[in-house]
Amino acid sequence: MTDRPLIFLDVDGPLIPLRARPGTPPGPPAPDASGHPLIHRLDPADGPRLQALGGDLVWATTWMDTANELLAPRLGLPRLPVVAFGDDDNTSHGGLHWKTATIIDWARGRPFVWLDDELTGTDRHFIADHHPGPALAHRVDGHLGLTGEDYRQVAAWLRT
């Protein structure tokens, strides 16, 4: 067991924003060999910024291991562990995000940060009631992706 917190990463929204990043040239991007139409929205600087937070990074995304194949190299990240979500996990229950219970189970009591664009107060309350360790469920604006302010807030929480 390590003292380092886990940092669970969603992809669509936090790492691949739903809108073009500021400063992106207008018009359609050049085709990408991956075939993913929005992969050009990845910011390669996110990899080093995530690593600098000092936690153990974990993919928590429907991309599953494809995140290691397509995204990790573009972000300068090593191969990361992947939370395995079951096929029946894709439905919310009572406003609870479909990933929440699986993430709590995966953490096994370790402190964690979860970066996702679909988190709500329902998830935060559920985590507080069911996870014995410290946890930050940080909602990222999916239209913007991770910003400097997101990194500042997460880093401040990790220092406490």
N, C-alpha and C. Protein backbone atom coordinates (compact mmCIF):
# COMPACT_ATOMS: atom_id res chain seq x y z
N MET A 1 0.86 -1.17 0.00
CA MET A 1 0.00 0.00 0.00
C MET A 1 0.90 1.23 0.00
N THR A 2 0.53 2.22 -0.75
CA THR A 2 1.32 3.44 -0.86
C THR A 2 0.58 4.60 -0.20
N ASP A 3 1.32 5.60 0.18
CA ASP A 3 0.71 6.79 0.76
C ASP A 3 0.24 7.76 -0.32
N ARG A 4 0.69 7.55 -1.55
CA ARG A 4 0.31 8.45 -2.63
C ARG A 4 -1.17 8.27 -2.96
N PRO A 5 -1.87 9.39 -3.16
CA PRO A 5 -3.27 9.28 -3.53
C PRO A 5 -3.41 8.80 -4.97
N LEU A 6 -4.55 8.23 -5.26
CA LEU A 6 -4.90 7.87 -6.63
C LEU A 6 -5.48 9.11 -7.30
N ILE A 7 -5.26 9.24 -8.60
CA ILE A 7 -5.88 10.30 -9.38
C ILE A 7 -6.57 9.63 -10.56
N PHE A 8 -7.90 9.54 -10.45
CA PHE A 8 -8.71 8.90 -11.49
C PHE A 8 -9.00 9.91 -12.60
N LEU A 9 -8.74 9.50 -13.85
CA LEU A 9 -8.85 10.39 -15.00
C LEU A 9 -9.94 9.96 -15.96
N ASP A 10 -10.91 10.83 -16.16
CA ASP A 10 -11.85 10.67 -17.25
C ASP A 10 -11.20 11.32 -18.48
N VAL A 11 -11.61 10.93 -19.67
CA VAL A 11 -10.99 11.46 -20.89
C VAL A 11 -11.89 12.48 -21.56
N ASP A 12 -13.09 12.07 -21.99
CA ASP A 12 -13.97 12.96 -22.75
C ASP A 12 -14.52 14.05 -21.84
N GLY A 13 -14.11 15.26 -22.10
CA GLY A 13 -14.46 16.40 -21.26
C GLY A 13 -13.21 16.93 -20.58
N PRO A 14 -12.63 16.21 -19.62
CA PRO A 14 -11.44 16.73 -18.95
C PRO A 14 -10.18 16.79 -19.82
N LEU A 15 -9.88 15.74 -20.56
CA LEU A 15 -8.66 15.72 -21.38
C LEU A 15 -8.93 16.03 -22.85
N ILE A 16 -10.10 15.66 -23.32
CA ILE A 16 -10.52 16.02 -24.67
C ILE A 16 -11.78 16.87 -24.52
N PRO A 17 -11.60 18.20 -24.48
CA PRO A 17 -12.75 19.08 -24.26
C PRO A 17 -13.80 18.93 -25.36
N LEU A 18 -15.03 19.24 -24.97
CA LEU A 18 -16.15 19.13 -25.91
C LEU A 18 -16.17 20.28 -26.91
N ARG A 19 -15.46 21.35 -26.59
CA ARG A 19 -15.31 22.49 -27.51
C ARG A 19 -13.83 22.67 -27.80
N ALA A 20 -13.55 23.35 -28.91
CA ALA A 20 -12.16 23.63 -29.25
C ALA A 20 -11.52 24.47 -28.15
N ARG A 21 -10.27 24.20 -27.86
CA ARG A 21 -9.53 24.98 -26.86
C ARG A 21 -9.28 26.38 -27.41
N PRO A 22 -9.21 27.37 -26.51
CA PRO A 22 -8.88 28.73 -26.96
C PRO A 22 -7.56 28.73 -27.73
N GLY A 23 -7.52 29.50 -28.79
CA GLY A 23 -6.31 29.59 -29.60
C GLY A 23 -6.20 28.54 -30.68
N THR A 24 -7.19 27.64 -30.76
CA THR A 24 -7.18 26.62 -31.80
C THR A 24 -7.48 27.27 -33.14
N PRO A 25 -6.71 26.96 -34.17
CA PRO A 25 -6.99 27.56 -35.48
C PRO A 25 -8.40 27.19 -35.96
N PRO A 26 -9.07 28.12 -36.62
CA PRO A 26 -10.41 27.80 -37.12
C PRO A 26 -10.36 26.76 -38.24
N GLY A 27 -11.49 26.15 -38.48
CA GLY A 27 -11.58 25.16 -39.54
C GLY A 27 -11.32 23.77 -39.03
N PRO A 28 -11.58 22.78 -39.87
CA PRO A 28 -11.39 21.39 -39.44
C PRO A 28 -9.91 21.08 -39.28
N PRO A 29 -9.59 20.22 -38.29
CA PRO A 29 -8.19 19.83 -38.09
C PRO A 29 -7.74 18.86 -39.17
N ALA A 30 -6.45 18.71 -39.26
CA ALA A 30 -5.90 17.69 -40.17
C ALA A 30 -6.35 16.32 -39.67
N PRO A 31 -6.64 15.39 -40.57
CA PRO A 31 -7.03 14.05 -40.14
C PRO A 31 -5.94 13.42 -39.27
N ASP A 32 -6.38 12.68 -38.28
CA ASP A 32 -5.45 12.02 -37.37
C ASP A 32 -5.43 10.53 -37.67
N ALA A 33 -4.26 9.94 -37.58
CA ALA A 33 -4.10 8.51 -37.88
C ALA A 33 -4.97 7.64 -36.97
N SER A 34 -5.31 8.13 -35.77
CA SER A 34 -6.12 7.34 -34.85
C SER A 34 -7.56 7.22 -35.34
N GLY A 35 -7.99 8.16 -36.16
CA GLY A 35 -9.37 8.17 -36.62
C GLY A 35 -10.32 8.85 -35.65
N HIS A 36 -9.84 9.24 -34.47
CA HIS A 36 -10.70 9.91 -33.50
C HIS A 36 -10.85 11.38 -33.93
N PRO A 37 -12.08 11.85 -34.09
CA PRO A 37 -12.27 13.19 -34.64
C PRO A 37 -11.89 14.33 -33.69
N LEU A 38 -11.73 14.06 -32.41
CA LEU A 38 -11.44 15.15 -31.47
C LEU A 38 -10.09 15.00 -30.76
N ILE A 39 -9.32 14.02 -31.13
CA ILE A 39 -8.06 13.76 -30.41
C ILE A 39 -7.10 14.94 -30.51
N HIS A 40 -7.26 15.77 -31.53
CA HIS A 40 -6.40 16.95 -31.68
C HIS A 40 -6.62 17.95 -30.53
N ARG A 41 -7.69 17.77 -29.75
CA ARG A 41 -7.96 18.66 -28.62
C ARG A 41 -7.16 18.29 -27.37
N LEU A 42 -6.47 17.17 -27.39
CA LEU A 42 -5.58 16.83 -26.26
C LEU A 42 -4.52 17.91 -26.13
N ASP A 43 -4.18 18.26 -24.92
CA ASP A 43 -3.10 19.20 -24.67
C ASP A 43 -1.92 18.40 -24.13
N PRO A 44 -0.84 18.26 -24.89
CA PRO A 44 0.30 17.47 -24.42
C PRO A 44 0.85 17.94 -23.08
N ALA A 45 0.62 19.20 -22.71
CA ALA A 45 1.09 19.72 -21.42
C ALA A 45 0.33 19.10 -20.26
N ASP A 46 -0.85 18.51 -20.52
CA ASP A 46 -1.60 17.89 -19.43
C ASP A 46 -0.85 16.71 -18.82
N GLY A 47 -0.11 15.97 -19.61
CA GLY A 47 0.63 14.82 -19.07
C GLY A 47 1.59 15.23 -17.96
N PRO A 48 2.52 16.13 -18.24
CA PRO A 48 3.44 16.55 -17.17
C PRO A 48 2.73 17.23 -16.00
N ARG A 49 1.68 17.97 -16.28
CA ARG A 49 0.96 18.63 -15.19
C ARG A 49 0.28 17.60 -14.28
N LEU A 50 -0.28 16.56 -14.87
CA LEU A 50 -0.90 15.50 -14.07
C LEU A 50 0.15 14.77 -13.25
N GLN A 51 1.28 14.45 -13.85
CA GLN A 51 2.34 13.75 -13.13
C GLN A 51 2.88 14.60 -11.99
N ALA A 52 2.93 15.90 -12.18
CA ALA A 52 3.47 16.80 -11.15
C ALA A 52 2.57 16.87 -9.92
N LEU A 53 1.31 16.43 -10.03
CA LEU A 53 0.41 16.44 -8.87
C LEU A 53 0.88 15.48 -7.78
N GLY A 54 1.63 14.46 -8.16
CA GLY A 54 2.22 13.57 -7.16
C GLY A 54 1.35 12.40 -6.74
N GLY A 55 0.35 12.06 -7.53
CA GLY A 55 -0.47 10.90 -7.23
C GLY A 55 -0.23 9.79 -8.24
N ASP A 56 -0.88 8.66 -8.00
CA ASP A 56 -0.82 7.54 -8.93
C ASP A 56 -1.97 7.68 -9.91
N LEU A 57 -1.66 7.96 -11.16
CA LEU A 57 -2.67 8.19 -12.19
C LEU A 57 -3.32 6.87 -12.61
N VAL A 58 -4.64 6.94 -12.81
CA VAL A 58 -5.43 5.76 -13.19
C VAL A 58 -6.49 6.21 -14.19
N TRP A 59 -6.62 5.49 -15.30
CA TRP A 59 -7.69 5.80 -16.26
C TRP A 59 -9.02 5.36 -15.67
N ALA A 60 -10.00 6.25 -15.68
CA ALA A 60 -11.37 5.95 -15.24
C ALA A 60 -12.30 6.45 -16.33
N THR A 61 -12.31 5.73 -17.44
CA THR A 61 -12.95 6.20 -18.66
C THR A 61 -13.46 5.03 -19.48
N THR A 62 -14.45 5.30 -20.30
CA THR A 62 -14.95 4.26 -21.21
C THR A 62 -13.91 3.94 -22.29
N TRP A 63 -12.88 4.75 -22.40
CA TRP A 63 -11.81 4.45 -23.33
C TRP A 63 -11.07 3.17 -22.91
N MET A 64 -11.15 2.85 -21.62
CA MET A 64 -10.49 1.68 -21.06
C MET A 64 -9.01 1.66 -21.49
N ASP A 65 -8.49 0.51 -21.96
CA ASP A 65 -7.07 0.42 -22.28
C ASP A 65 -6.69 1.16 -23.55
N THR A 66 -7.68 1.56 -24.35
CA THR A 66 -7.39 2.38 -25.53
C THR A 66 -6.74 3.70 -25.10
N ALA A 67 -7.04 4.15 -23.89
CA ALA A 67 -6.39 5.37 -23.38
C ALA A 67 -4.88 5.16 -23.29
N ASN A 68 -4.43 3.98 -22.91
CA ASN A 68 -2.99 3.70 -22.87
C ASN A 68 -2.40 3.65 -24.28
N GLU A 69 -3.15 3.12 -25.22
CA GLU A 69 -2.64 2.97 -26.58
C GLU A 69 -2.58 4.29 -27.34
N LEU A 70 -3.64 5.11 -27.24
CA LEU A 70 -3.72 6.33 -28.04
C LEU A 70 -3.36 7.61 -27.29
N LEU A 71 -3.74 7.69 -26.03
CA LEU A 71 -3.59 8.96 -25.32
C LEU A 71 -2.29 9.06 -24.53
N ALA A 72 -1.94 8.02 -23.79
CA ALA A 72 -0.74 8.09 -22.95
C ALA A 72 0.49 8.54 -23.73
N PRO A 73 0.77 7.97 -24.90
CA PRO A 73 1.97 8.42 -25.64
C PRO A 73 1.89 9.90 -26.04
N ARG A 74 0.71 10.37 -26.39
CA ARG A 74 0.54 11.77 -26.81
C ARG A 74 0.68 12.73 -25.63
N LEU A 75 0.43 12.21 -24.42
CA LEU A 75 0.53 13.04 -23.22
C LEU A 75 1.86 12.84 -22.49
N GLY A 76 2.70 11.94 -23.01
CA GLY A 76 3.97 11.67 -22.36
C GLY A 76 3.80 10.89 -21.07
N LEU A 77 2.74 10.11 -20.98
CA LEU A 77 2.47 9.32 -19.78
C LEU A 77 2.88 7.87 -19.99
N PRO A 78 3.28 7.21 -18.92
CA PRO A 78 3.51 5.77 -19.03
C PRO A 78 2.17 5.05 -19.14
N ARG A 79 2.24 3.77 -19.35
CA ARG A 79 1.04 2.93 -19.32
C ARG A 79 0.44 3.02 -17.91
N LEU A 80 -0.85 3.32 -17.82
CA LEU A 80 -1.50 3.51 -16.52
C LEU A 80 -2.47 2.37 -16.24
N PRO A 81 -2.73 2.10 -14.96
CA PRO A 81 -3.79 1.15 -14.63
C PRO A 81 -5.13 1.69 -15.15
N VAL A 82 -6.06 0.77 -15.36
CA VAL A 82 -7.37 1.12 -15.91
C VAL A 82 -8.46 0.56 -15.00
N VAL A 83 -9.39 1.41 -14.62
CA VAL A 83 -10.55 0.92 -13.88
C VAL A 83 -11.43 0.16 -14.88
N ALA A 84 -11.73 -1.09 -14.58
CA ALA A 84 -12.56 -1.92 -15.46
C ALA A 84 -14.02 -1.73 -15.07
N PHE A 85 -14.74 -1.02 -15.90
CA PHE A 85 -16.17 -0.84 -15.68
C PHE A 85 -16.91 -1.95 -16.41
N GLY A 86 -17.85 -2.59 -15.72
CA GLY A 86 -18.63 -3.65 -16.33
C GLY A 86 -19.62 -3.10 -17.34
N ASP A 87 -20.10 -3.96 -18.21
CA ASP A 87 -21.07 -3.55 -19.22
C ASP A 87 -22.36 -3.04 -18.60
N ASP A 88 -22.70 -3.53 -17.42
CA ASP A 88 -23.94 -3.12 -16.78
C ASP A 88 -23.77 -1.86 -15.93
N ASP A 89 -22.58 -1.27 -15.93
CA ASP A 89 -22.29 -0.09 -15.11
C ASP A 89 -22.75 1.21 -15.77
N ASN A 90 -23.17 1.20 -17.01
CA ASN A 90 -23.42 2.44 -17.74
C ASN A 90 -24.75 3.11 -17.45
N THR A 91 -25.38 2.80 -16.35
CA THR A 91 -26.63 3.47 -16.01
C THR A 91 -26.51 4.11 -14.64
N SER A 92 -27.07 5.31 -14.52
CA SER A 92 -27.08 6.02 -13.25
C SER A 92 -28.22 5.50 -12.40
N HIS A 93 -28.07 5.61 -11.10
CA HIS A 93 -29.11 5.19 -10.17
C HIS A 93 -29.37 6.33 -9.20
N GLY A 94 -30.56 6.90 -9.26
CA GLY A 94 -30.93 7.96 -8.34
C GLY A 94 -30.03 9.17 -8.42
N GLY A 95 -29.51 9.47 -9.59
CA GLY A 95 -28.63 10.62 -9.77
C GLY A 95 -27.17 10.32 -9.53
N LEU A 96 -26.86 9.12 -9.05
CA LEU A 96 -25.47 8.73 -8.82
C LEU A 96 -24.82 8.37 -10.15
N HIS A 97 -23.63 8.91 -10.39
CA HIS A 97 -22.91 8.59 -11.62
C HIS A 97 -22.63 7.10 -11.67
N TRP A 98 -22.69 6.52 -12.84
CA TRP A 98 -22.52 5.08 -12.98
C TRP A 98 -21.10 4.61 -12.64
N LYS A 99 -20.13 5.50 -12.59
CA LYS A 99 -18.75 5.12 -12.26
C LYS A 99 -18.48 5.14 -10.75
N THR A 100 -19.29 5.86 -9.98
CA THR A 100 -18.95 6.19 -8.60
C THR A 100 -18.66 4.97 -7.73
N ALA A 101 -19.56 4.02 -7.68
CA ALA A 101 -19.37 2.86 -6.79
C ALA A 101 -18.14 2.05 -7.20
N THR A 102 -17.91 1.91 -8.50
CA THR A 102 -16.75 1.15 -8.97
C THR A 102 -15.45 1.86 -8.58
N ILE A 103 -15.43 3.17 -8.67
CA ILE A 103 -14.23 3.91 -8.30
C ILE A 103 -13.95 3.76 -6.81
N ILE A 104 -14.98 3.83 -5.99
CA ILE A 104 -14.79 3.64 -4.54
C ILE A 104 -14.22 2.24 -4.27
N ASP A 105 -14.78 1.23 -4.92
CA ASP A 105 -14.28 -0.14 -4.74
C ASP A 105 -12.82 -0.24 -5.17
N TRP A 106 -12.49 0.37 -6.31
CA TRP A 106 -11.14 0.29 -6.86
C TRP A 106 -10.14 0.96 -5.91
N ALA A 107 -10.54 2.05 -5.28
CA ALA A 107 -9.64 2.80 -4.40
C ALA A 107 -9.29 2.02 -3.13
N ARG A 108 -10.18 1.15 -2.69
CA ARG A 108 -9.93 0.33 -1.49
C ARG A 108 -9.46 1.16 -0.29
N GLY A 109 -10.11 2.28 -0.07
CA GLY A 109 -9.80 3.10 1.10
C GLY A 109 -8.69 4.10 0.91
N ARG A 110 -7.94 4.01 -0.20
CA ARG A 110 -6.85 4.97 -0.43
C ARG A 110 -7.43 6.35 -0.71
N PRO A 111 -6.71 7.40 -0.35
CA PRO A 111 -7.13 8.74 -0.74
C PRO A 111 -7.17 8.84 -2.26
N PHE A 112 -8.13 9.61 -2.78
CA PHE A 112 -8.18 9.78 -4.22
C PHE A 112 -8.75 11.11 -4.65
N VAL A 113 -8.36 11.49 -5.87
CA VAL A 113 -8.95 12.60 -6.61
C VAL A 113 -9.58 11.97 -7.83
N TRP A 114 -10.78 12.42 -8.16
CA TRP A 114 -11.45 11.94 -9.37
C TRP A 114 -11.76 13.14 -10.23
N LEU A 115 -11.19 13.18 -11.43
CA LEU A 115 -11.39 14.28 -12.38
C LEU A 115 -12.36 13.82 -13.46
N ASP A 116 -13.55 14.42 -13.46
CA ASP A 116 -14.60 14.01 -14.40
C ASP A 116 -15.49 15.22 -14.65
N ASP A 117 -16.14 15.24 -15.79
CA ASP A 117 -17.02 16.37 -16.12
C ASP A 117 -18.48 16.09 -15.81
N GLU A 118 -18.79 14.95 -15.22
CA GLU A 118 -20.19 14.59 -14.96
C GLU A 118 -20.49 14.41 -13.48
N LEU A 119 -19.61 14.85 -12.62
CA LEU A 119 -19.81 14.67 -11.18
C LEU A 119 -20.83 15.67 -10.63
N THR A 120 -21.57 15.22 -9.62
CA THR A 120 -22.55 16.08 -8.96
C THR A 120 -22.43 15.94 -7.45
N GLY A 121 -23.23 16.71 -6.75
CA GLY A 121 -23.29 16.61 -5.30
C GLY A 121 -23.70 15.23 -4.84
N THR A 122 -24.53 14.55 -5.62
CA THR A 122 -24.94 13.19 -5.27
C THR A 122 -23.73 12.27 -5.17
N ASP A 123 -22.82 12.40 -6.12
CA ASP A 123 -21.60 11.58 -6.09
C ASP A 123 -20.74 11.94 -4.89
N ARG A 124 -20.60 13.22 -4.62
CA ARG A 124 -19.77 13.65 -3.48
C ARG A 124 -20.33 13.12 -2.17
N HIS A 125 -21.64 13.19 -2.00
CA HIS A 125 -22.26 12.68 -0.76
C HIS A 125 -22.09 11.17 -0.65
N PHE A 126 -22.28 10.47 -1.76
CA PHE A 126 -22.12 9.01 -1.75
C PHE A 126 -20.69 8.63 -1.39
N ILE A 127 -19.72 9.33 -1.97
CA ILE A 127 -18.32 9.05 -1.67
C ILE A 127 -18.04 9.30 -0.18
N ALA A 128 -18.53 10.42 0.33
CA ALA A 128 -18.32 10.75 1.75
C ALA A 128 -18.92 9.69 2.66
N ASP A 129 -20.05 9.12 2.25
CA ASP A 129 -20.72 8.11 3.08
C ASP A 129 -20.15 6.70 2.93
N HIS A 130 -19.47 6.42 1.81
CA HIS A 130 -19.06 5.05 1.53
C HIS A 130 -17.55 4.84 1.37
N HIS A 131 -16.77 5.89 1.36
CA HIS A 131 -15.33 5.76 1.20
C HIS A 131 -14.65 6.19 2.49
N PRO A 132 -13.86 5.30 3.11
CA PRO A 132 -13.28 5.61 4.41
C PRO A 132 -12.12 6.62 4.37
N GLY A 133 -11.54 6.83 3.22
CA GLY A 133 -10.40 7.74 3.13
C GLY A 133 -10.80 9.09 2.56
N PRO A 134 -9.87 10.03 2.56
CA PRO A 134 -10.14 11.33 1.95
C PRO A 134 -10.35 11.18 0.45
N ALA A 135 -11.23 12.01 -0.09
CA ALA A 135 -11.50 11.95 -1.53
C ALA A 135 -11.96 13.31 -2.02
N LEU A 136 -11.52 13.66 -3.21
CA LEU A 136 -11.96 14.87 -3.89
C LEU A 136 -12.56 14.46 -5.22
N ALA A 137 -13.86 14.65 -5.36
CA ALA A 137 -14.54 14.44 -6.64
C ALA A 137 -14.61 15.81 -7.30
N HIS A 138 -13.70 16.06 -8.22
CA HIS A 138 -13.54 17.39 -8.82
C HIS A 138 -14.19 17.42 -10.20
N ARG A 139 -15.20 18.24 -10.32
CA ARG A 139 -15.88 18.39 -11.62
C ARG A 139 -15.11 19.36 -12.51
N VAL A 140 -14.75 18.88 -13.68
CA VAL A 140 -14.06 19.67 -14.70
C VAL A 140 -15.11 20.16 -15.69
N ASP A 141 -15.02 21.39 -16.12
CA ASP A 141 -15.92 21.89 -17.15
C ASP A 141 -15.57 21.17 -18.45
N GLY A 142 -16.47 20.32 -18.90
CA GLY A 142 -16.21 19.50 -20.08
C GLY A 142 -16.05 20.29 -21.37
N HIS A 143 -16.55 21.51 -21.40
CA HIS A 143 -16.39 22.33 -22.60
C HIS A 143 -14.99 22.94 -22.68
N LEU A 144 -14.35 23.11 -21.52
CA LEU A 144 -13.03 23.72 -21.47
C LEU A 144 -11.90 22.70 -21.32
N GLY A 145 -12.19 21.57 -20.69
CA GLY A 145 -11.13 20.63 -20.33
C GLY A 145 -10.40 21.14 -19.10
N LEU A 146 -9.40 20.40 -18.68
CA LEU A 146 -8.62 20.79 -17.51
C LEU A 146 -7.98 22.16 -17.72
N THR A 147 -8.12 23.02 -16.72
CA THR A 147 -7.56 24.37 -16.78
C THR A 147 -6.54 24.54 -15.66
N GLY A 148 -5.83 25.64 -15.71
CA GLY A 148 -4.89 25.96 -14.64
C GLY A 148 -5.58 26.02 -13.29
N GLU A 149 -6.81 26.52 -13.26
CA GLU A 149 -7.55 26.59 -12.00
C GLU A 149 -7.87 25.19 -11.47
N ASP A 150 -8.22 24.26 -12.35
CA ASP A 150 -8.45 22.88 -11.92
C ASP A 150 -7.18 22.32 -11.26
N TYR A 151 -6.05 22.51 -11.92
CA TYR A 151 -4.79 22.00 -11.37
C TYR A 151 -4.48 22.66 -10.03
N ARG A 152 -4.72 23.96 -9.89
CA ARG A 152 -4.46 24.66 -8.62
C ARG A 152 -5.34 24.09 -7.50
N GLN A 153 -6.63 23.87 -7.80
CA GLN A 153 -7.54 23.35 -6.78
C GLN A 153 -7.14 21.94 -6.35
N VAL A 154 -6.82 21.10 -7.31
CA VAL A 154 -6.43 19.72 -6.99
C VAL A 154 -5.12 19.71 -6.20
N ALA A 155 -4.15 20.50 -6.64
CA ALA A 155 -2.86 20.55 -5.94
C ALA A 155 -3.05 21.05 -4.50
N ALA A 156 -3.91 22.04 -4.32
CA ALA A 156 -4.17 22.55 -2.96
C ALA A 156 -4.80 21.46 -2.09
N TRP A 157 -5.74 20.72 -2.65
CA TRP A 157 -6.38 19.64 -1.89
C TRP A 157 -5.35 18.57 -1.53
N LEU A 158 -4.50 18.23 -2.47
CA LEU A 158 -3.50 17.19 -2.22
C LEU A 158 -2.49 17.60 -1.15
N ARG A 159 -2.26 18.88 -1.01
CA ARG A 159 -1.31 19.36 0.03
C ARG A 159 -1.91 19.26 1.42
N THR A 160 -3.23 19.15 1.55
CA THR A 160 -3.87 19.13 2.88
C THR A 160 -3.87 17.74 3.46
